[in-house]
Protein backbone atom coordinates (compact mmCIF):
# COMPACT_ATOMS: atom_id res chain seq x y z
CA UNK A 1 -18.15 41.14 -12.68
CA UNK A 2 -21.57 40.78 -10.26
CA UNK A 3 -21.06 38.89 -7.12
CA UNK A 4 -23.70 36.68 -8.08
CA UNK A 5 -21.94 35.99 -11.81
CA UNK A 6 -19.02 35.66 -9.86
CA UNK A 7 -20.64 33.12 -7.52
CA UNK A 8 -21.74 30.88 -10.03
CA UNK A 9 -18.68 30.88 -12.45
CA UNK A 10 -16.78 29.84 -9.02
CA UNK A 11 -19.11 27.25 -8.45
CA UNK A 12 -19.06 25.74 -11.73
CA UNK A 13 -15.17 26.02 -12.24
CA UNK A 14 -14.64 24.37 -8.54
CA UNK A 15 -16.98 21.64 -9.69
CA UNK A 16 -15.36 20.51 -12.92
CA UNK A 17 -13.07 17.90 -11.56
CA UNK A 18 -15.49 16.06 -9.80
CA UNK A 19 -17.54 15.87 -12.75
CA UNK A 20 -14.93 14.45 -14.88
CA UNK A 21 -14.59 12.05 -12.13
CA UNK A 22 -17.94 11.00 -11.91
CA UNK A 23 -17.63 10.97 -15.56
CA UNK A 24 -14.99 8.82 -15.67
CA UNK A 25 -16.79 5.74 -15.67
CA UNK A 26 -15.03 4.25 -13.01
CA UNK A 27 -17.29 6.22 -10.31
CA UNK A 28 -19.85 3.74 -10.72
CA UNK A 29 -21.98 4.92 -8.01
CA UNK A 30 -21.67 8.64 -8.92
CA UNK A 31 -20.48 9.97 -5.43
CA UNK A 32 -17.41 11.71 -7.12
CA UNK A 33 -15.16 9.65 -5.10
CA UNK A 34 -13.52 6.11 -6.32
CA UNK A 35 -13.35 3.57 -3.73
CA UNK A 36 -10.90 0.24 -3.84
CA UNK A 37 -13.25 -1.99 -5.70
CA UNK A 38 -14.06 1.02 -8.43
CA UNK A 39 -10.37 1.70 -9.26
CA UNK A 40 -9.93 -2.39 -9.22
CA UNK A 41 -12.61 -2.96 -11.73
CA UNK A 42 -11.37 -0.50 -14.22
CA UNK A 43 -8.02 -1.55 -13.57
CA UNK A 44 -7.54 -5.08 -11.78
CA UNK A 45 -3.73 -4.87 -11.51
CA UNK A 46 -4.18 -1.88 -8.62
CA UNK A 47 -3.71 -3.91 -5.51
CA UNK A 48 -4.56 -2.63 -1.83
CA UNK A 49 -0.66 -1.31 -1.49
CA UNK A 50 -0.86 0.43 -4.45
CA UNK A 51 -4.56 2.15 -3.75
CA UNK A 52 -3.24 2.96 -0.33
CA UNK A 53 -0.46 4.61 -1.67
CA UNK A 54 -2.71 6.78 -3.70
CA UNK A 55 -5.15 7.53 -0.66
CA UNK A 56 -3.20 9.90 0.69
CA UNK A 57 -5.48 10.81 3.53
CA UNK A 58 -6.27 7.08 4.70
CA UNK A 59 -10.34 7.99 4.27
CA UNK A 60 -10.45 4.76 1.88
CA UNK A 61 -11.61 6.51 -1.12
CA UNK A 62 -9.65 8.84 -3.68
CA UNK A 63 -10.74 12.18 -4.13
CA UNK A 64 -10.10 14.30 -7.29
CA UNK A 65 -7.02 15.60 -5.69
CA UNK A 66 -5.43 12.00 -5.09
CA UNK A 67 -6.68 10.83 -8.56
CA UNK A 68 -4.47 13.72 -10.00
CA UNK A 69 -1.56 13.28 -7.90
CA UNK A 70 -1.64 9.41 -8.96
CA UNK A 71 -2.16 10.27 -12.57
CA UNK A 72 1.14 12.34 -12.39
CA UNK A 73 2.91 9.81 -10.71
CA UNK A 74 1.89 7.36 -13.00
CA UNK A 75 0.01 5.17 -10.83
CA UNK A 76 -3.37 5.99 -12.80
CA UNK A 77 -3.80 6.56 -16.47
CA UNK A 78 -4.67 10.08 -17.62
CA UNK A 79 -8.24 11.30 -17.65
CA UNK A 80 -10.14 11.11 -21.45
CA UNK A 81 -10.54 14.38 -22.87
C-alpha cells in the first residue's frame, strides 16, 4: 500500500470512534466528547458520582475511550449500530 493511502486509511480508522460518538445523538454540540449535561440529558439517572467514576482522567468530559470503558462496565448502554 502506498504511504499516502496508508495515511488516509489510518486517519479514517482512528476517526471512526469519534465519529460514532459524535453521531450518537448524546453529543449535542458535536465536539466528540460528552459533558455531564449531555450524558444526563440522554440518561437522567446518571448522577455526578457516576459521571466522575466514568471520567477516568478527570477532565470533565468523556472521550471515546472513557465511553467504551463505561459501556464495558455497564455504566452506559452500548452504542447503537
